[in-house]
Amino acid sequence: NSSNVMMCVKAHELISKEMDYPLHVGITESGTV
């Protein structure tokens, strides 16, 4: 998780190539509704 949107996107792109465990995805501490 990261509250930085594009950092979070990049991290998921990287980790999806490194392991095959299911991923829980979200932008943490994203803010108000």
PDB file of all heavy atoms in Angstrom:
ATOM      1  N   ASN A   1       0.807  -1.213   0.000  1.00  0.00           N
ATOM      2  CA  ASN A   1       0.000   0.000   0.000  1.00  0.00           C
ATOM      3  C   ASN A   1       0.842   1.267   0.000  1.00  0.00           C
ATOM      4  O   ASN A   1       1.901   1.332   0.623  1.00  0.00           O
ATOM      5  CB  ASN A   1      -0.919   0.024   1.225  1.00  0.00           C
ATOM      6  CG  ASN A   1      -1.947  -1.084   1.186  1.00  0.00           C
ATOM      7  OD1 ASN A   1      -2.484  -1.388   0.131  1.00  0.00           O
ATOM      8  ND2 ASN A   1      -2.206  -1.690   2.330  1.00  0.00           N
ATOM      9  N   SER A   2       0.317   2.270  -0.690  1.00  0.00           N
ATOM     10  CA  SER A   2       0.907   3.600  -0.656  1.00  0.00           C
ATOM     11  C   SER A   2      -0.188   4.608  -0.928  1.00  0.00           C
ATOM     12  O   SER A   2      -1.129   4.337  -1.683  1.00  0.00           O
ATOM     13  CB  SER A   2       2.015   3.737  -1.703  1.00  0.00           C
ATOM     14  OG  SER A   2       2.487   5.069  -1.749  1.00  0.00           O
ATOM     15  N   SER A   3      -0.094   5.770  -0.311  1.00  0.00           N
ATOM     16  CA  SER A   3      -1.050   6.841  -0.593  1.00  0.00           C
ATOM     17  C   SER A   3      -0.660   7.618  -1.841  1.00  0.00           C
ATOM     18  O   SER A   3      -1.418   8.441  -2.345  1.00  0.00           O
ATOM     19  CB  SER A   3      -1.153   7.795   0.610  1.00  0.00           C
ATOM     20  OG  SER A   3       0.122   8.315   0.939  1.00  0.00           O
ATOM     21  N   ASN A   4       0.556   7.342  -2.350  1.00  0.00           N
ATOM     22  CA  ASN A   4       1.006   7.925  -3.616  1.00  0.00           C
ATOM     23  C   ASN A   4       0.491   7.038  -4.746  1.00  0.00           C
ATOM     24  O   ASN A   4       0.920   5.895  -4.902  1.00  0.00           O
ATOM     25  CB  ASN A   4       2.537   7.996  -3.638  1.00  0.00           C
ATOM     26  CG  ASN A   4       3.086   8.622  -4.903  1.00  0.00           C
ATOM     27  OD1 ASN A   4       2.759   8.202  -6.008  1.00  0.00           O
ATOM     28  ND2 ASN A   4       3.939   9.624  -4.741  1.00  0.00           N
ATOM     29  N   VAL A   5      -0.432   7.566  -5.518  1.00  0.00           N
ATOM     30  CA  VAL A   5      -1.150   6.745  -6.486  1.00  0.00           C
ATOM     31  C   VAL A   5      -0.211   6.059  -7.476  1.00  0.00           C
ATOM     32  O   VAL A   5      -0.257   4.844  -7.663  1.00  0.00           O
ATOM     33  CB  VAL A   5      -2.198   7.587  -7.239  1.00  0.00           C
ATOM     34  CG1 VAL A   5      -2.852   6.760  -8.351  1.00  0.00           C
ATOM     35  CG2 VAL A   5      -3.271   8.087  -6.267  1.00  0.00           C
ATOM     36  N   MET A   6       0.640   6.818  -8.130  1.00  0.00           N
ATOM     37  CA  MET A   6       1.465   6.226  -9.181  1.00  0.00           C
ATOM     38  C   MET A   6       2.573   5.336  -8.613  1.00  0.00           C
ATOM     39  O   MET A   6       3.000   4.382  -9.266  1.00  0.00           O
ATOM     40  CB  MET A   6       2.048   7.316 -10.081  1.00  0.00           C
ATOM     41  CG  MET A   6       0.987   8.114 -10.819  1.00  0.00           C
ATOM     42  SD  MET A   6      -0.364   7.105 -11.529  1.00  0.00           S
ATOM     43  CE  MET A   6       0.507   6.110 -12.734  1.00  0.00           C
ATOM     44  N   MET A   7       3.025   5.626  -7.392  1.00  0.00           N
ATOM     45  CA  MET A   7       3.965   4.712  -6.736  1.00  0.00           C
ATOM     46  C   MET A   7       3.285   3.375  -6.482  1.00  0.00           C
ATOM     47  O   MET A   7       3.885   2.304  -6.663  1.00  0.00           O
ATOM     48  CB  MET A   7       4.480   5.312  -5.430  1.00  0.00           C
ATOM     49  CG  MET A   7       5.532   4.450  -4.731  1.00  0.00           C
ATOM     50  SD  MET A   7       5.997   5.067  -3.100  1.00  0.00           S
ATOM     51  CE  MET A   7       6.708   6.661  -3.533  1.00  0.00           C
ATOM     52  N   CYS A   8       2.042   3.438  -6.062  1.00  0.00           N
ATOM     53  CA  CYS A   8       1.285   2.218  -5.794  1.00  0.00           C
ATOM     54  C   CYS A   8       1.088   1.410  -7.078  1.00  0.00           C
ATOM     55  O   CYS A   8       1.226   0.184  -7.089  1.00  0.00           O
ATOM     56  CB  CYS A   8      -0.068   2.590  -5.180  1.00  0.00           C
ATOM     57  SG  CYS A   8      -0.889   1.250  -4.315  1.00  0.00           S
ATOM     58  N   VAL A   9       0.773   2.112  -8.161  1.00  0.00           N
ATOM     59  CA  VAL A   9       0.611   1.436  -9.457  1.00  0.00           C
ATOM     60  C   VAL A   9       1.904   0.732  -9.853  1.00  0.00           C
ATOM     61  O   VAL A   9       1.905  -0.449 -10.223  1.00  0.00           O
ATOM     62  CB  VAL A   9       0.193   2.445 -10.545  1.00  0.00           C
ATOM     63  CG1 VAL A   9       0.211   1.781 -11.925  1.00  0.00           C
ATOM     64  CG2 VAL A   9      -1.198   3.012 -10.252  1.00  0.00           C
ATOM     65  N   LYS A  10       3.014   1.451  -9.761  1.00  0.00           N
ATOM     66  CA  LYS A  10       4.304   0.883 -10.137  1.00  0.00           C
ATOM     67  C   LYS A  10       4.660  -0.320  -9.270  1.00  0.00           C
ATOM     68  O   LYS A  10       5.150  -1.344  -9.765  1.00  0.00           O
ATOM     69  CB  LYS A  10       5.402   1.953 -10.023  1.00  0.00           C
ATOM     70  CG  LYS A  10       6.797   1.478 -10.414  1.00  0.00           C
ATOM     71  CD  LYS A  10       6.864   1.087 -11.885  1.00  0.00           C
ATOM     72  CE  LYS A  10       8.271   0.712 -12.298  1.00  0.00           C
ATOM     73  NZ  LYS A  10       8.329   0.263 -13.716  1.00  0.00           N
ATOM     74  N   ALA A  11       4.411  -0.215  -7.986  1.00  0.00           N
ATOM     75  CA  ALA A  11       4.727  -1.319  -7.074  1.00  0.00           C
ATOM     76  C   ALA A  11       3.943  -2.575  -7.445  1.00  0.00           C
ATOM     77  O   ALA A  11       4.484  -3.690  -7.406  1.00  0.00           O
ATOM     78  CB  ALA A  11       4.436  -0.907  -5.636  1.00  0.00           C
ATOM     79  N   HIS A  12       2.682  -2.412  -7.822  1.00  0.00           N
ATOM     80  CA  HIS A  12       1.885  -3.575  -8.210  1.00  0.00           C
ATOM     81  C   HIS A  12       2.361  -4.168  -9.528  1.00  0.00           C
ATOM     82  O   HIS A  12       2.343  -5.394  -9.711  1.00  0.00           O
ATOM     83  CB  HIS A  12       0.399  -3.203  -8.280  1.00  0.00           C
ATOM     84  CG  HIS A  12      -0.252  -3.137  -6.943  1.00  0.00           C
ATOM     85  ND1 HIS A  12      -0.229  -2.004  -6.162  1.00  0.00           N
ATOM     86  CD2 HIS A  12      -0.921  -4.082  -6.220  1.00  0.00           C
ATOM     87  CE1 HIS A  12      -0.863  -2.247  -5.028  1.00  0.00           C
ATOM     88  NE2 HIS A  12      -1.280  -3.492  -5.035  1.00  0.00           N
ATOM     89  N   GLU A  13       2.783  -3.313 -10.436  1.00  0.00           N
ATOM     90  CA  GLU A  13       3.343  -3.820 -11.691  1.00  0.00           C
ATOM     91  C   GLU A  13       4.585  -4.669 -11.422  1.00  0.00           C
ATOM     92  O   GLU A  13       4.772  -5.731 -12.032  1.00  0.00           O
ATOM     93  CB  GLU A  13       3.692  -2.653 -12.610  1.00  0.00           C
ATOM     94  CG  GLU A  13       2.478  -1.907 -13.140  1.00  0.00           C
ATOM     95  CD  GLU A  13       2.852  -0.626 -13.872  1.00  0.00           C
ATOM     96  OE1 GLU A  13       4.038  -0.225 -13.833  1.00  0.00           O
ATOM     97  OE2 GLU A  13       1.952  -0.011 -14.475  1.00  0.00           O
ATOM     98  N   LEU A  14       5.409  -4.217 -10.491  1.00  0.00           N
ATOM     99  CA  LEU A  14       6.644  -4.941 -10.171  1.00  0.00           C
ATOM    100  C   LEU A  14       6.358  -6.246  -9.442  1.00  0.00           C
ATOM    101  O   LEU A  14       6.909  -7.298  -9.787  1.00  0.00           O
ATOM    102  CB  LEU A  14       7.567  -4.055  -9.319  1.00  0.00           C
ATOM    103  CG  LEU A  14       8.149  -2.814  -9.992  1.00  0.00           C
ATOM    104  CD1 LEU A  14       8.883  -1.952  -8.965  1.00  0.00           C
ATOM    105  CD2 LEU A  14       9.107  -3.211 -11.122  1.00  0.00           C
ATOM    106  N   ILE A  15       5.500  -6.190  -8.427  1.00  0.00           N
ATOM    107  CA  ILE A  15       5.314  -7.385  -7.597  1.00  0.00           C
ATOM    108  C   ILE A  15       4.559  -8.478  -8.340  1.00  0.00           C
ATOM    109  O   ILE A  15       4.739  -9.675  -8.070  1.00  0.00           O
ATOM    110  CB  ILE A  15       4.597  -7.029  -6.271  1.00  0.00           C
ATOM    111  CG1 ILE A  15       4.893  -8.113  -5.217  1.00  0.00           C
ATOM    112  CG2 ILE A  15       3.079  -6.860  -6.479  1.00  0.00           C
ATOM    113  CD1 ILE A  15       4.535  -7.706  -3.810  1.00  0.00           C
ATOM    114  N   SER A  16       3.724  -8.098  -9.304  1.00  0.00           N
ATOM    115  CA  SER A  16       2.978  -9.107 -10.058  1.00  0.00           C
ATOM    116  C   SER A  16       3.908  -9.985 -10.890  1.00  0.00           C
ATOM    117  O   SER A  16       3.545 -11.090 -11.294  1.00  0.00           O
ATOM    118  CB  SER A  16       1.948  -8.430 -10.974  1.00  0.00           C
ATOM    119  OG  SER A  16       2.589  -7.683 -11.994  1.00  0.00           O
ATOM    120  N   LYS A  17       5.124  -9.499 -11.137  1.00  0.00           N
ATOM    121  CA  LYS A  17       6.116 -10.271 -11.884  1.00  0.00           C
ATOM    122  C   LYS A  17       7.004 -11.107 -10.964  1.00  0.00           C
ATOM    123  O   LYS A  17       7.787 -11.934 -11.449  1.00  0.00           O
ATOM    124  CB  LYS A  17       6.990  -9.329 -12.713  1.00  0.00           C
ATOM    125  CG  LYS A  17       6.213  -8.514 -13.738  1.00  0.00           C
ATOM    126  CD  LYS A  17       7.094  -7.448 -14.378  1.00  0.00           C
ATOM    127  CE  LYS A  17       6.296  -6.572 -15.336  1.00  0.00           C
ATOM    128  NZ  LYS A  17       7.111  -5.465 -15.896  1.00  0.00           N
ATOM    129  N   GLU A  18       6.881 -10.871  -9.660  1.00  0.00           N
ATOM    130  CA  GLU A  18       7.780 -11.505  -8.698  1.00  0.00           C
ATOM    131  C   GLU A  18       7.141 -12.670  -7.941  1.00  0.00           C
ATOM    132  O   GLU A  18       7.851 -13.530  -7.425  1.00  0.00           O
ATOM    133  CB  GLU A  18       8.262 -10.462  -7.674  1.00  0.00           C
ATOM    134  CG  GLU A  18       9.060  -9.311  -8.269  1.00  0.00           C
ATOM    135  CD  GLU A  18      10.500  -9.704  -8.562  1.00  0.00           C
ATOM    136  OE1 GLU A  18      10.924 -10.758  -8.092  1.00  0.00           O
ATOM    137  OE2 GLU A  18      11.184  -8.945  -9.256  1.00  0.00           O
ATOM    138  N   MET A  19       5.815 -12.687  -7.833  1.00  0.00           N
ATOM    139  CA  MET A  19       5.158 -13.735  -7.061  1.00  0.00           C
ATOM    140  C   MET A  19       3.756 -13.975  -7.580  1.00  0.00           C
ATOM    141  O   MET A  19       3.183 -13.129  -8.279  1.00  0.00           O
ATOM    142  CB  MET A  19       5.135 -13.385  -5.570  1.00  0.00           C
ATOM    143  CG  MET A  19       4.434 -12.098  -5.230  1.00  0.00           C
ATOM    144  SD  MET A  19       4.438 -11.725  -3.441  1.00  0.00           S
ATOM    145  CE  MET A  19       6.180 -11.502  -3.112  1.00  0.00           C
ATOM    146  N   ASP A  20       3.202 -15.148  -7.237  1.00  0.00           N
ATOM    147  CA  ASP A  20       1.874 -15.492  -7.733  1.00  0.00           C
ATOM    148  C   ASP A  20       0.832 -15.591  -6.614  1.00  0.00           C
ATOM    149  O   ASP A  20      -0.223 -16.192  -6.799  1.00  0.00           O
ATOM    150  CB  ASP A  20       1.912 -16.799  -8.528  1.00  0.00           C
ATOM    151  CG  ASP A  20       2.285 -18.012  -7.678  1.00  0.00           C
ATOM    152  OD1 ASP A  20       2.677 -17.827  -6.502  1.00  0.00           O
ATOM    153  OD2 ASP A  20       2.185 -19.140  -8.182  1.00  0.00           O
ATOM    154  N   TYR A  21       1.139 -14.997  -5.464  1.00  0.00           N
ATOM    155  CA  TYR A  21       0.122 -14.933  -4.414  1.00  0.00           C
ATOM    156  C   TYR A  21      -0.972 -13.939  -4.827  1.00  0.00           C
ATOM    157  O   TYR A  21      -0.682 -12.944  -5.515  1.00  0.00           O
ATOM    158  CB  TYR A  21       0.741 -14.471  -3.094  1.00  0.00           C
ATOM    159  CG  TYR A  21       1.667 -15.473  -2.464  1.00  0.00           C
ATOM    160  CD1 TYR A  21       3.039 -15.218  -2.356  1.00  0.00           C
ATOM    161  CD2 TYR A  21       1.184 -16.684  -1.974  1.00  0.00           C
ATOM    162  CE1 TYR A  21       3.896 -16.147  -1.784  1.00  0.00           C
ATOM    163  CE2 TYR A  21       2.037 -17.614  -1.397  1.00  0.00           C
ATOM    164  CZ  TYR A  21       3.391 -17.343  -1.304  1.00  0.00           C
ATOM    165  OH  TYR A  21       4.233 -18.271  -0.738  1.00  0.00           O
ATOM    166  N   PRO A  22      -2.224 -14.181  -4.427  1.00  0.00           N
ATOM    167  CA  PRO A  22      -3.268 -13.204  -4.738  1.00  0.00           C
ATOM    168  C   PRO A  22      -2.964 -11.867  -4.087  1.00  0.00           C
ATOM    169  O   PRO A  22      -2.420 -11.809  -2.978  1.00  0.00           O
ATOM    170  CB  PRO A  22      -4.544 -13.839  -4.173  1.00  0.00           C
ATOM    171  CG  PRO A  22      -4.086 -14.908  -3.246  1.00  0.00           C
ATOM    172  CD  PRO A  22      -2.741 -15.354  -3.704  1.00  0.00           C
ATOM    173  N   LEU A  23      -3.310 -10.794  -4.784  1.00  0.00           N
ATOM    174  CA  LEU A  23      -3.000  -9.444  -4.321  1.00  0.00           C
ATOM    175  C   LEU A  23      -4.253  -8.720  -3.882  1.00  0.00           C
ATOM    176  O   LEU A  23      -5.263  -8.672  -4.601  1.00  0.00           O
ATOM    177  CB  LEU A  23      -2.318  -8.649  -5.436  1.00  0.00           C
ATOM    178  CG  LEU A  23      -0.926  -9.121  -5.870  1.00  0.00           C
ATOM    179  CD1 LEU A  23      -0.445  -8.327  -7.073  1.00  0.00           C
ATOM    180  CD2 LEU A  23       0.068  -8.996  -4.718  1.00  0.00           C
ATOM    181  N   HIS A  24      -4.182  -8.146  -2.680  1.00  0.00           N
ATOM    182  CA  HIS A  24      -5.206  -7.231  -2.189  1.00  0.00           C
ATOM    183  C   HIS A  24      -4.776  -5.825  -2.610  1.00  0.00           C
ATOM    184  O   HIS A  24      -3.687  -5.371  -2.256  1.00  0.00           O
ATOM    185  CB  HIS A  24      -5.323  -7.316  -0.670  1.00  0.00           C
ATOM    186  CG  HIS A  24      -6.204  -6.252  -0.085  1.00  0.00           C
ATOM    187  ND1 HIS A  24      -7.558  -6.430   0.086  1.00  0.00           N
ATOM    188  CD2 HIS A  24      -5.929  -4.995   0.345  1.00  0.00           C
ATOM    189  CE1 HIS A  24      -8.069  -5.329   0.612  1.00  0.00           C
ATOM    190  NE2 HIS A  24      -7.098  -4.447   0.767  1.00  0.00           N
ATOM    191  N   VAL A  25      -5.622  -5.143  -3.377  1.00  0.00           N
ATOM    192  CA  VAL A  25      -5.237  -3.878  -3.993  1.00  0.00           C
ATOM    193  C   VAL A  25      -6.047  -2.724  -3.416  1.00  0.00           C
ATOM    194  O   VAL A  25      -7.271  -2.820  -3.264  1.00  0.00           O
ATOM    195  CB  VAL A  25      -5.439  -3.933  -5.525  1.00  0.00           C
ATOM    196  CG1 VAL A  25      -5.005  -2.624  -6.165  1.00  0.00           C
ATOM    197  CG2 VAL A  25      -4.655  -5.096  -6.124  1.00  0.00           C
ATOM    198  N   GLY A  26      -5.360  -1.634  -3.127  1.00  0.00           N
ATOM    199  CA  GLY A  26      -6.036  -0.419  -2.667  1.00  0.00           C
ATOM    200  C   GLY A  26      -5.054   0.727  -2.584  1.00  0.00           C
ATOM    201  O   GLY A  26      -3.837   0.514  -2.496  1.00  0.00           O
ATOM    202  N   ILE A  27      -5.583   1.930  -2.656  1.00  0.00           N
ATOM    203  CA  ILE A  27      -4.774   3.127  -2.430  1.00  0.00           C
ATOM    204  C   ILE A  27      -4.987   3.517  -0.974  1.00  0.00           C
ATOM    205  O   ILE A  27      -6.068   3.989  -0.612  1.00  0.00           O
ATOM    206  CB  ILE A  27      -5.187   4.281  -3.365  1.00  0.00           C
ATOM    207  CG1 ILE A  27      -5.197   3.811  -4.829  1.00  0.00           C
ATOM    208  CG2 ILE A  27      -4.257   5.478  -3.178  1.00  0.00           C
ATOM    209  CD1 ILE A  27      -3.875   3.316  -5.345  1.00  0.00           C
ATOM    210  N   THR A  28      -3.990   3.303  -0.143  1.00  0.00           N
ATOM    211  CA  THR A  28      -4.187   3.501   1.289  1.00  0.00           C
ATOM    212  C   THR A  28      -4.300   4.988   1.630  1.00  0.00           C
ATOM    213  O   THR A  28      -3.733   5.841   0.947  1.00  0.00           O
ATOM    214  CB  THR A  28      -3.035   2.849   2.089  1.00  0.00           C
ATOM    215  OG1 THR A  28      -3.387   2.831   3.468  1.00  0.00           O
ATOM    216  CG2 THR A  28      -1.728   3.599   1.920  1.00  0.00           C
ATOM    217  N   GLU A  29      -5.046   5.278   2.677  1.00  0.00           N
ATOM    218  CA  GLU A  29      -5.176   6.648   3.176  1.00  0.00           C
ATOM    219  C   GLU A  29      -5.465   7.624   2.038  1.00  0.00           C
ATOM    220  O   GLU A  29      -4.883   8.701   1.938  1.00  0.00           O
ATOM    221  CB  GLU A  29      -3.882   7.054   3.910  1.00  0.00           C
ATOM    222  CG  GLU A  29      -3.575   6.156   5.100  1.00  0.00           C
ATOM    223  CD  GLU A  29      -2.105   6.178   5.502  1.00  0.00           C
ATOM    224  OE1 GLU A  29      -1.306   6.816   4.795  1.00  0.00           O
ATOM    225  OE2 GLU A  29      -1.756   5.541   6.507  1.00  0.00           O
ATOM    226  N   SER A  30      -6.402   7.239   1.181  1.00  0.00           N
ATOM    227  CA  SER A  30      -6.633   8.023  -0.039  1.00  0.00           C
ATOM    228  C   SER A  30      -7.360   9.333   0.217  1.00  0.00           C
ATOM    229  O   SER A  30      -7.268  10.256  -0.590  1.00  0.00           O
ATOM    230  CB  SER A  30      -7.410   7.191  -1.060  1.00  0.00           C
ATOM    231  OG  SER A  30      -8.667   6.803  -0.542  1.00  0.00           O
ATOM    232  N   GLY A  31      -8.100   9.428   1.338  1.00  0.00           N
ATOM    233  CA  GLY A  31      -8.722  10.699   1.662  1.00  0.00           C
ATOM    234  C   GLY A  31     -10.220  10.591   1.868  1.00  0.00           C
ATOM    235  O   GLY A  31     -10.763   9.518   2.139  1.00  0.00           O
ATOM    236  N   THR A  32     -10.895  11.703   1.717  1.00  0.00           N
ATOM    237  CA  THR A  32     -12.337  11.790   1.929  1.00  0.00           C
ATOM    238  C   THR A  32     -13.090  11.045   0.832  1.00  0.00           C
ATOM    239  O   THR A  32     -12.496  10.573  -0.150  1.00  0.00           O
ATOM    240  CB  THR A  32     -12.777  13.261   1.921  1.00  0.00           C
ATOM    241  OG1 THR A  32     -12.473  13.824   0.630  1.00  0.00           O
ATOM    242  CG2 THR A  32     -12.062  14.061   2.994  1.00  0.00           C
ATOM    243  N   VAL A  33     -14.408  10.980   0.981  1.00  0.00           N
ATOM    244  CA  VAL A  33     -15.219  10.300  -0.026  1.00  0.00           C
ATOM    245  C   VAL A  33     -14.983  10.904  -1.404  1.00  0.00           C
ATOM    246  O   VAL A  33     -14.873  10.189  -2.407  1.00  0.00           O
ATOM    247  CB  VAL A  33     -16.713  10.370   0.356  1.00  0.00           C
ATOM    248  CG1 VAL A  33     -17.587   9.839  -0.788  1.00  0.00           C
ATOM    249  CG2 VAL A  33     -16.971   9.574   1.638  1.00  0.00           C
TER     250      VAL A  33
END
